[in-house]
Amino acid sequence: MSYVEPRGKGKFRLNVTIGTDEKGYAIRERKTVTAKNITEARKILSDFEAEVNSGHYLKPTDITLKQFHPKWKEYIEGAQTPATRASNEQIMDNRILPKYGHMKLSTIKPMHIFNFVNELKKDGRRMDKKKGKLSASTVRNCYKTFHSILQCAVNLGVIKENPADGVKPPKLGKSQTDVYSKEEIIAMIEALEHVQQRWKLLIMIAFTVGAREGEISALEWKHIDTKNHTIRIEQSLSDEFGLSLKNTTKTDRDRIVKMPTALSDLFDEYHKRKTKVKNIVPYDIGDGKVHLFIFSDLYGKPIRPDSISQWWRRFTKKYKLRHIRFHDLRHTSATFLINENVQSKIISSRLGHSNIQTTMNVYGHFLEEADEGAVEHFDQFLQEKKAKGKQ
């Protein structure tokens, strides 16, 4: 026998009878849930009853973190990219379950999360055998994974509150943004005349379009329209846990970006060369689809994003250019446009930022410098007008 008891304010208690004791009294499993109405609560009761009768139900007070782990994996399935899920699983298997897996969810307190985070900040916590501490982003990701499984337990009614909410996530230090000056950009472009055409094209995409490494690696010929001088950025390639293609960019914002005529010409030349040597080869990256990647090997396999940074480092060293991160070419693209007085909204759109505030946060100091330069025009204008008035 199973039934629902209203508990007020959208709360309902589910009751499932599983037998009787020696005195003939009913033995029940109970769970309180949130539902819009009694009809929805009865649907939840049906699932609860099936779970109880199958023998897979564990009372919330008895469930350990390790026992709840499979439920969490089901819960996040489809909500995260394969790479993110793989990263979370690594953190769970290597850092969280070995120490906290035996604990009942109901006994995990904010102090456990606090100690977990503080331990990660100490020396000797790296697993790659390298010296030094874990990066702030790694510590933060570990915290987020722990928070995620506990929040899942809250959402499923296993525990009432997330103990990780009582602990502030580690702060990330701002990464240093370094960019090339106009003179350095000119030197870079001159050096590109001495490298293979594909590298020249790839670097010019980073500079003139502001595309990220993963976005460049994922470019296909279908994304290029040289007649209208546009390039479509709609997917990204990751090599963190083996090559995987994401149908979205970092900010989940597809964008069509205008490119200079010189870049369109480079695309046409490169396409002709690859066609001539029959090097435009279809490739299935594992998603069951055929892709014609622009920067690919003889078998059509796309270039790995990390190999781009490796080549860039060798390139800057060989041609005696000041080394900045490859990602800083994206920043160089933005600051170049800022110094040319291009509107912030246009720059934000070209970079694929989720909103203009992101652009302001990242490039605020460059915008301030450009603004100071703009004020000089007013000073000069007003001084000239004042001088004329005295004549």
Protein backbone atom coordinates (compact mmCIF):
# COMPACT_ATOMS: atom_id res chain seq x y z
CA MET A 1 0.00 0.00 0.00
CA SER A 2 1.25 3.47 -0.85
CA TYR A 3 -0.23 6.91 -0.35
CA VAL A 4 0.54 10.65 -0.27
CA GLU A 5 0.14 13.02 2.69
CA PRO A 6 0.00 16.80 2.04
CA ARG A 7 2.36 18.63 4.39
CA GLY A 8 1.62 22.22 3.34
CA LYS A 9 3.34 24.78 1.07
CA GLY A 10 3.98 22.39 -1.82
CA LYS A 11 5.39 19.65 0.43
CA PHE A 12 4.11 16.07 0.35
CA ARG A 13 5.13 12.99 2.31
CA LEU A 14 5.29 9.75 0.34
CA ASN A 15 4.47 6.55 2.18
CA VAL A 16 5.17 3.02 0.93
CA THR A 17 4.26 0.01 3.07
CA ILE A 18 6.84 -2.75 2.82
CA GLY A 19 5.43 -5.21 5.38
CA THR A 20 4.49 -5.59 9.05
CA ASP A 21 6.43 -6.12 12.23
CA GLU A 22 5.92 -8.96 14.79
CA LYS A 23 3.02 -7.07 16.32
CA GLY A 24 1.26 -6.58 12.99
CA TYR A 25 2.06 -2.90 12.65
CA ALA A 26 2.86 -1.60 9.16
CA ILE A 27 6.50 -0.93 8.26
CA ARG A 28 6.78 2.04 5.92
CA GLU A 29 9.41 3.88 3.97
CA ARG A 30 8.76 7.61 3.90
CA LYS A 31 10.13 10.53 1.97
CA THR A 32 9.08 14.19 1.87
CA VAL A 33 9.17 15.82 -1.57
CA THR A 34 8.29 19.12 -3.24
CA ALA A 35 5.55 19.02 -5.90
CA LYS A 36 3.19 21.46 -7.63
CA ASN A 37 0.08 19.52 -6.64
CA ILE A 38 -1.23 16.17 -5.42
CA THR A 39 -1.26 14.76 -8.96
CA GLU A 40 2.45 15.43 -9.45
CA ALA A 41 3.16 14.04 -5.97
CA ARG A 42 1.39 10.79 -6.90
CA LYS A 43 3.58 10.45 -9.97
CA ILE A 44 6.67 10.87 -7.79
CA LEU A 45 5.18 8.31 -5.39
CA SER A 46 4.95 5.79 -8.22
CA ASP A 47 8.68 6.10 -8.91
CA PHE A 48 9.47 5.99 -5.20
CA GLU A 49 7.41 2.84 -4.74
CA ALA A 50 9.19 1.15 -7.65
CA GLU A 51 12.57 2.07 -6.18
CA VAL A 52 11.61 0.72 -2.75
CA ASN A 53 10.21 -2.52 -4.15
CA SER A 54 13.29 -3.08 -6.31
CA GLY A 55 15.47 -3.05 -3.20
CA HIS A 56 17.60 -0.13 -4.47
CA TYR A 57 16.24 2.43 -2.04
CA LEU A 58 18.44 3.59 0.81
CA LYS A 59 17.21 5.78 3.62
CA PRO A 60 18.74 9.24 3.37
CA THR A 61 20.31 8.90 6.82
CA ASP A 62 22.12 5.73 5.75
CA ILE A 63 23.43 6.73 2.29
CA THR A 64 27.17 7.22 2.11
CA LEU A 65 28.87 9.51 -0.39
CA LYS A 66 30.23 6.47 -2.24
CA GLN A 67 26.77 4.87 -2.47
CA PHE A 68 25.25 8.11 -3.75
CA HIS A 69 28.00 8.61 -6.35
CA PRO A 70 26.22 6.59 -9.13
CA LYS A 71 23.06 8.65 -8.62
CA TRP A 72 25.04 11.86 -9.08
CA LYS A 73 26.57 10.50 -12.30
CA GLU A 74 23.06 9.82 -13.63
CA TYR A 75 21.92 13.27 -12.52
CA ILE A 76 24.62 15.19 -14.40
CA GLU A 77 24.44 13.00 -17.52
CA GLY A 78 23.67 15.27 -20.44
CA ALA A 79 24.08 18.41 -18.35
CA GLN A 80 27.85 18.50 -18.78
CA THR A 81 30.22 18.00 -21.69
CA PRO A 82 32.17 14.70 -21.84
CA ALA A 83 35.37 16.53 -20.94
CA THR A 84 33.80 18.17 -17.87
CA ARG A 85 32.29 14.87 -16.71
CA ALA A 86 35.65 13.13 -17.13
CA SER A 87 37.35 15.86 -15.12
CA ASN A 88 34.75 15.58 -12.35
CA GLU A 89 35.15 11.81 -12.25
CA GLN A 90 38.90 12.15 -11.89
CA ILE A 91 38.45 14.51 -8.96
CA MET A 92 35.87 12.22 -7.34
CA ASP A 93 37.98 9.07 -7.75
CA ASN A 94 41.32 10.59 -6.76
CA ARG A 95 40.54 13.27 -4.22
CA ILE A 96 37.04 13.04 -2.72
CA LEU A 97 35.92 9.41 -2.47
CA PRO A 98 39.16 8.04 -0.96
CA LYS A 99 38.79 10.35 2.04
CA TYR A 100 35.05 11.02 2.33
CA GLY A 101 33.41 8.15 0.44
CA HIS A 102 32.70 6.16 3.62
CA MET A 103 30.87 9.06 5.27
CA LYS A 104 27.09 9.26 5.38
CA LEU A 105 25.82 12.27 3.45
CA SER A 106 23.88 13.39 6.51
CA THR A 107 27.10 13.61 8.56
CA ILE A 108 29.14 15.73 6.13
CA LYS A 109 29.45 19.23 7.58
CA PRO A 110 30.83 22.58 6.34
CA MET A 111 33.99 21.92 8.39
CA HIS A 112 34.73 18.84 6.24
CA ILE A 113 34.54 20.95 3.07
CA PHE A 114 36.63 23.68 4.67
CA ASN A 115 39.34 21.15 5.63
CA PHE A 116 39.18 19.57 2.17
CA VAL A 117 39.87 22.90 0.44
CA ASN A 118 42.62 23.90 2.88
CA GLU A 119 44.39 20.55 2.44
CA LEU A 120 44.45 21.05 -1.33
CA LYS A 121 46.25 24.36 -0.89
CA LYS A 122 49.24 22.73 0.81
CA ASP A 123 52.45 21.52 -0.83
CA GLY A 124 52.62 17.96 -2.09
CA ARG A 125 49.03 17.71 -3.30
CA ARG A 126 49.89 17.49 -7.00
CA MET A 127 49.39 14.11 -8.66
CA ASP A 128 51.71 14.69 -11.61
CA LYS A 129 54.77 14.44 -9.33
CA LYS A 130 55.78 18.01 -10.16
CA LYS A 131 56.97 20.40 -7.49
CA GLY A 132 54.81 23.25 -6.25
CA LYS A 133 51.23 23.67 -5.17
CA LEU A 134 48.00 23.06 -7.05
CA SER A 135 46.81 26.01 -9.09
CA ALA A 136 43.95 28.09 -7.72
CA SER A 137 41.74 26.95 -10.60
CA THR A 138 42.40 23.26 -9.78
CA VAL A 139 41.51 23.79 -6.12
CA ARG A 140 38.37 25.64 -7.18
CA ASN A 141 37.38 22.82 -9.57
CA CYS A 142 37.76 20.27 -6.76
CA TYR A 143 35.51 22.40 -4.55
CA LYS A 144 32.93 22.72 -7.36
CA THR A 145 32.84 18.94 -7.85
CA PHE A 146 32.28 18.33 -4.13
CA HIS A 147 29.60 21.04 -4.12
CA SER A 148 27.94 19.48 -7.17
CA ILE A 149 27.41 16.01 -5.67
CA LEU A 150 26.13 17.47 -2.42
CA GLN A 151 23.76 19.83 -4.25
CA CYS A 152 22.46 16.86 -6.20
CA ALA A 153 21.71 15.16 -2.88
CA VAL A 154 19.76 18.27 -1.82
CA ASN A 155 17.82 18.40 -5.09
CA LEU A 156 16.85 14.74 -4.76
CA GLY A 157 15.70 15.17 -1.16
CA VAL A 158 18.46 13.07 0.40
CA ILE A 159 19.77 15.90 2.58
CA LYS A 160 18.16 19.20 3.47
CA GLU A 161 21.08 21.59 2.99
CA ASN A 162 24.33 21.64 1.07
CA PRO A 163 27.18 21.82 3.61
CA ALA A 164 29.46 23.23 0.89
CA ASP A 165 27.31 26.38 0.78
CA GLY A 166 28.83 27.39 4.09
CA VAL A 167 32.34 27.46 2.60
CA LYS A 168 33.44 30.16 0.17
CA PRO A 169 35.00 28.81 -3.03
CA PRO A 170 38.70 29.63 -3.49
CA LYS A 171 39.29 32.88 -5.32
CA LEU A 172 41.01 32.86 -8.66
CA GLY A 173 43.84 35.27 -9.25
CA LYS A 174 43.46 37.41 -12.35
CA SER A 175 45.55 36.10 -15.21
CA GLN A 176 48.01 38.58 -16.62
CA THR A 177 46.92 39.93 -19.99
CA ASP A 178 49.86 40.68 -22.27
CA VAL A 179 49.51 42.06 -25.78
CA TYR A 180 51.64 43.08 -28.74
CA SER A 181 52.14 46.71 -29.68
CA LYS A 182 51.63 47.83 -33.30
CA GLU A 183 55.36 47.52 -33.92
CA GLU A 184 55.39 43.97 -32.55
CA ILE A 185 52.35 43.04 -34.65
CA ILE A 186 54.18 44.24 -37.77
CA ALA A 187 57.26 42.20 -36.79
CA MET A 188 55.07 39.12 -36.26
CA ILE A 189 53.40 39.48 -39.67
CA GLU A 190 56.77 39.90 -41.36
CA ALA A 191 58.04 36.72 -39.66
CA LEU A 192 54.95 34.81 -40.83
CA GLU A 193 56.14 35.26 -44.42
CA HIS A 194 58.82 32.65 -43.68
CA VAL A 195 56.58 29.85 -42.34
CA GLN A 196 54.24 27.29 -43.89
CA GLN A 197 51.04 28.73 -45.29
CA ARG A 198 48.78 26.92 -42.84
CA TRP A 199 50.59 28.44 -39.86
CA LYS A 200 50.42 31.89 -41.38
CA LEU A 201 46.68 31.45 -41.91
CA LEU A 202 46.15 30.06 -38.42
CA ILE A 203 47.99 32.91 -36.67
CA MET A 204 46.22 35.55 -38.75
CA ILE A 205 42.85 34.05 -37.73
CA ALA A 206 43.84 34.40 -34.07
CA PHE A 207 44.91 38.02 -34.57
CA THR A 208 42.21 39.36 -36.92
CA VAL A 209 39.23 37.31 -35.72
CA GLY A 210 40.16 36.86 -32.06
CA ALA A 211 39.37 33.14 -32.13
CA ARG A 212 40.47 30.79 -29.35
CA GLU A 213 42.74 27.76 -29.91
CA GLY A 214 39.90 25.25 -29.62
CA GLU A 215 37.73 27.29 -31.98
CA ILE A 216 40.49 27.46 -34.61
CA SER A 217 41.15 23.71 -34.37
CA ALA A 218 37.44 23.02 -34.90
CA LEU A 219 37.07 25.20 -38.01
CA GLU A 220 35.68 23.43 -41.08
CA TRP A 221 35.53 24.63 -44.66
CA LYS A 222 31.76 25.06 -44.36
CA HIS A 223 32.42 27.86 -41.85
CA ILE A 224 34.32 30.02 -44.35
CA ASP A 225 32.62 32.39 -46.82
CA THR A 226 35.36 34.21 -48.72
CA LYS A 227 32.89 35.97 -51.04
CA ASN A 228 31.23 37.76 -48.14
CA HIS A 229 34.43 37.81 -46.07
CA THR A 230 32.91 36.04 -43.07
CA ILE A 231 33.93 33.24 -40.76
CA ARG A 232 31.47 31.37 -38.55
CA ILE A 233 32.56 30.28 -35.08
CA GLU A 234 30.10 27.68 -33.80
CA GLN A 235 32.09 24.82 -32.29
CA SER A 236 35.23 24.08 -30.32
CA LEU A 237 37.72 21.23 -30.06
CA SER A 238 39.05 19.98 -26.73
CA ASP A 239 42.04 17.73 -26.16
CA GLU A 240 41.95 17.60 -22.37
CA PHE A 241 40.76 13.98 -22.27
CA GLY A 242 41.30 12.92 -25.89
CA LEU A 243 40.02 14.88 -28.86
CA SER A 244 36.36 15.77 -28.52
CA LEU A 245 34.23 18.22 -30.48
CA LYS A 246 31.77 20.48 -28.71
CA ASN A 247 28.92 21.92 -30.74
CA THR A 248 29.21 25.15 -28.78
CA THR A 249 31.92 27.68 -28.03
CA LYS A 250 33.20 28.53 -24.55
CA THR A 251 30.35 31.00 -23.95
CA ASP A 252 27.74 28.99 -25.91
CA ARG A 253 27.49 31.87 -28.38
CA ASP A 254 27.80 31.19 -32.11
CA ARG A 255 29.08 34.16 -34.02
CA ILE A 256 29.70 35.25 -37.58
CA VAL A 257 32.72 37.52 -37.79
CA LYS A 258 33.79 39.72 -40.69
CA MET A 259 37.37 39.09 -41.76
CA PRO A 260 39.74 41.30 -43.75
CA THR A 261 40.13 40.73 -47.49
CA ALA A 262 43.73 39.65 -46.96
CA LEU A 263 42.54 36.79 -44.75
CA SER A 264 39.88 35.75 -47.29
CA ASP A 265 42.60 35.62 -49.94
CA LEU A 266 44.74 33.44 -47.67
CA PHE A 267 41.82 31.03 -47.23
CA ASP A 268 41.32 30.80 -51.01
CA GLU A 269 45.00 30.15 -51.62
CA TYR A 270 45.17 27.52 -48.91
CA HIS A 271 42.02 25.80 -50.19
CA LYS A 272 43.45 25.62 -53.72
CA ARG A 273 46.69 24.14 -52.45
CA LYS A 274 44.94 21.51 -50.31
CA THR A 275 42.61 20.63 -53.19
CA LYS A 276 45.53 20.29 -55.60
CA VAL A 277 47.29 17.75 -53.40
CA LYS A 278 43.97 16.09 -52.49
CA ASN A 279 44.40 16.88 -48.82
CA ILE A 280 40.81 17.80 -47.93
CA VAL A 281 39.83 14.51 -46.33
CA PRO A 282 36.60 13.74 -44.43
CA TYR A 283 37.08 12.72 -40.82
CA ASP A 284 34.82 11.25 -38.13
CA ILE A 285 35.99 12.46 -34.74
CA GLY A 286 33.71 10.02 -32.94
CA ASP A 287 30.36 11.74 -33.19
CA GLY A 288 29.21 9.76 -36.22
CA LYS A 289 29.43 12.80 -38.48
CA VAL A 290 31.76 13.67 -41.34
CA HIS A 291 33.90 16.77 -40.88
CA LEU A 292 36.19 18.61 -43.29
CA PHE A 293 38.57 20.33 -40.91
CA ILE A 294 40.68 23.17 -42.29
CA PHE A 295 43.79 22.47 -40.22
CA SER A 296 44.15 18.73 -40.55
CA ASP A 297 46.74 16.06 -41.30
CA LEU A 298 46.85 13.73 -44.32
CA TYR A 299 44.02 11.67 -42.84
CA GLY A 300 41.73 14.60 -42.11
CA LYS A 301 42.35 14.54 -38.35
CA PRO A 302 42.22 18.09 -36.91
CA ILE A 303 45.18 19.76 -35.27
CA ARG A 304 45.27 19.48 -31.48
CA PRO A 305 44.73 22.82 -29.69
CA ASP A 306 47.74 22.28 -27.43
CA SER A 307 50.05 21.77 -30.41
CA ILE A 308 49.19 25.30 -31.58
CA SER A 309 50.66 26.82 -28.41
CA GLN A 310 53.70 24.59 -28.71
CA TRP A 311 54.35 25.73 -32.29
CA TRP A 312 53.77 29.37 -31.30
CA ARG A 313 56.45 29.17 -28.60
CA ARG A 314 59.00 27.77 -31.08
CA PHE A 315 58.02 30.41 -33.63
CA THR A 316 58.50 33.39 -31.31
CA LYS A 317 61.84 32.02 -30.14
CA LYS A 318 63.14 31.39 -33.67
CA TYR A 319 62.23 34.84 -34.96
CA LYS A 320 63.21 36.61 -31.73
CA LEU A 321 59.73 37.94 -31.01
CA ARG A 322 58.73 38.77 -27.45
CA HIS A 323 56.85 35.69 -26.29
CA ILE A 324 53.25 36.07 -25.17
CA ARG A 325 50.73 33.26 -24.78
CA PHE A 326 48.98 32.20 -27.96
CA HIS A 327 45.70 33.14 -26.26
CA ASP A 328 47.09 36.67 -25.89
CA LEU A 329 46.79 37.08 -29.67
CA ARG A 330 43.06 37.21 -28.96
CA HIS A 331 43.72 40.00 -26.46
CA THR A 332 46.01 41.68 -28.98
CA SER A 333 43.14 41.62 -31.50
CA ALA A 334 40.84 43.33 -29.03
CA THR A 335 43.32 46.00 -27.93
CA PHE A 336 44.24 46.73 -31.55
CA LEU A 337 40.57 47.51 -32.25
CA ILE A 338 40.27 49.54 -29.04
CA ASN A 339 43.21 51.70 -30.08
CA GLU A 340 41.55 52.17 -33.48
CA ASN A 341 38.46 53.55 -31.66
CA VAL A 342 36.17 50.65 -32.61
CA GLN A 343 33.02 50.54 -30.45
CA SER A 344 33.13 48.22 -27.43
CA LYS A 345 29.89 46.53 -28.47
CA ILE A 346 31.40 45.52 -31.83
CA ILE A 347 34.53 44.18 -30.14
CA SER A 348 32.38 42.22 -27.69
CA SER A 349 30.43 40.69 -30.58
CA ARG A 350 33.58 39.72 -32.51
CA LEU A 351 35.06 38.00 -29.46
CA GLY A 352 31.84 36.14 -28.67
CA HIS A 353 31.52 37.52 -25.15
CA SER A 354 28.22 36.70 -23.43
CA ASN A 355 27.70 40.40 -22.69
CA ILE A 356 29.51 43.70 -23.07
CA GLN A 357 30.28 43.78 -19.34
CA THR A 358 32.69 40.88 -19.87
CA THR A 359 34.53 42.97 -22.45
CA MET A 360 34.64 45.92 -20.06
CA ASN A 361 35.99 43.73 -17.24
CA VAL A 362 38.74 42.16 -19.36
CA TYR A 363 39.81 45.23 -21.31
CA GLY A 364 38.75 48.01 -18.97
CA HIS A 365 42.27 49.41 -18.44
CA PHE A 366 42.93 49.44 -22.20
CA LEU A 367 39.64 51.27 -22.75
CA GLU A 368 40.62 53.81 -20.10
CA GLU A 369 43.92 54.47 -21.88
CA ALA A 370 42.10 54.91 -25.18
CA ASP A 371 39.65 57.25 -23.46
CA GLU A 372 42.51 59.37 -22.17
CA GLY A 373 43.77 59.65 -25.74
CA ALA A 374 40.31 60.71 -26.86
CA VAL A 375 40.22 63.53 -24.30
CA GLU A 376 43.33 65.00 -25.89
CA HIS A 377 41.28 65.66 -29.04
CA PHE A 378 38.83 67.78 -26.98
CA ASP A 379 41.69 69.62 -25.28
CA GLN A 380 43.28 70.43 -28.61
CA PHE A 381 39.94 71.52 -30.11
CA LEU A 382 39.03 73.79 -27.18
CA GLN A 383 42.51 75.33 -27.02
CA GLU A 384 42.39 76.14 -30.74
CA LYS A 385 38.93 77.70 -30.32
CA LYS A 386 40.15 79.76 -27.35
CA ALA A 387 43.16 80.96 -29.31
CA LYS A 388 40.96 82.01 -32.22
CA GLY A 389 38.67 83.93 -29.84
CA LYS A 390 41.58 86.06 -28.64
CA GLN A 391 42.56 87.08 -32.16
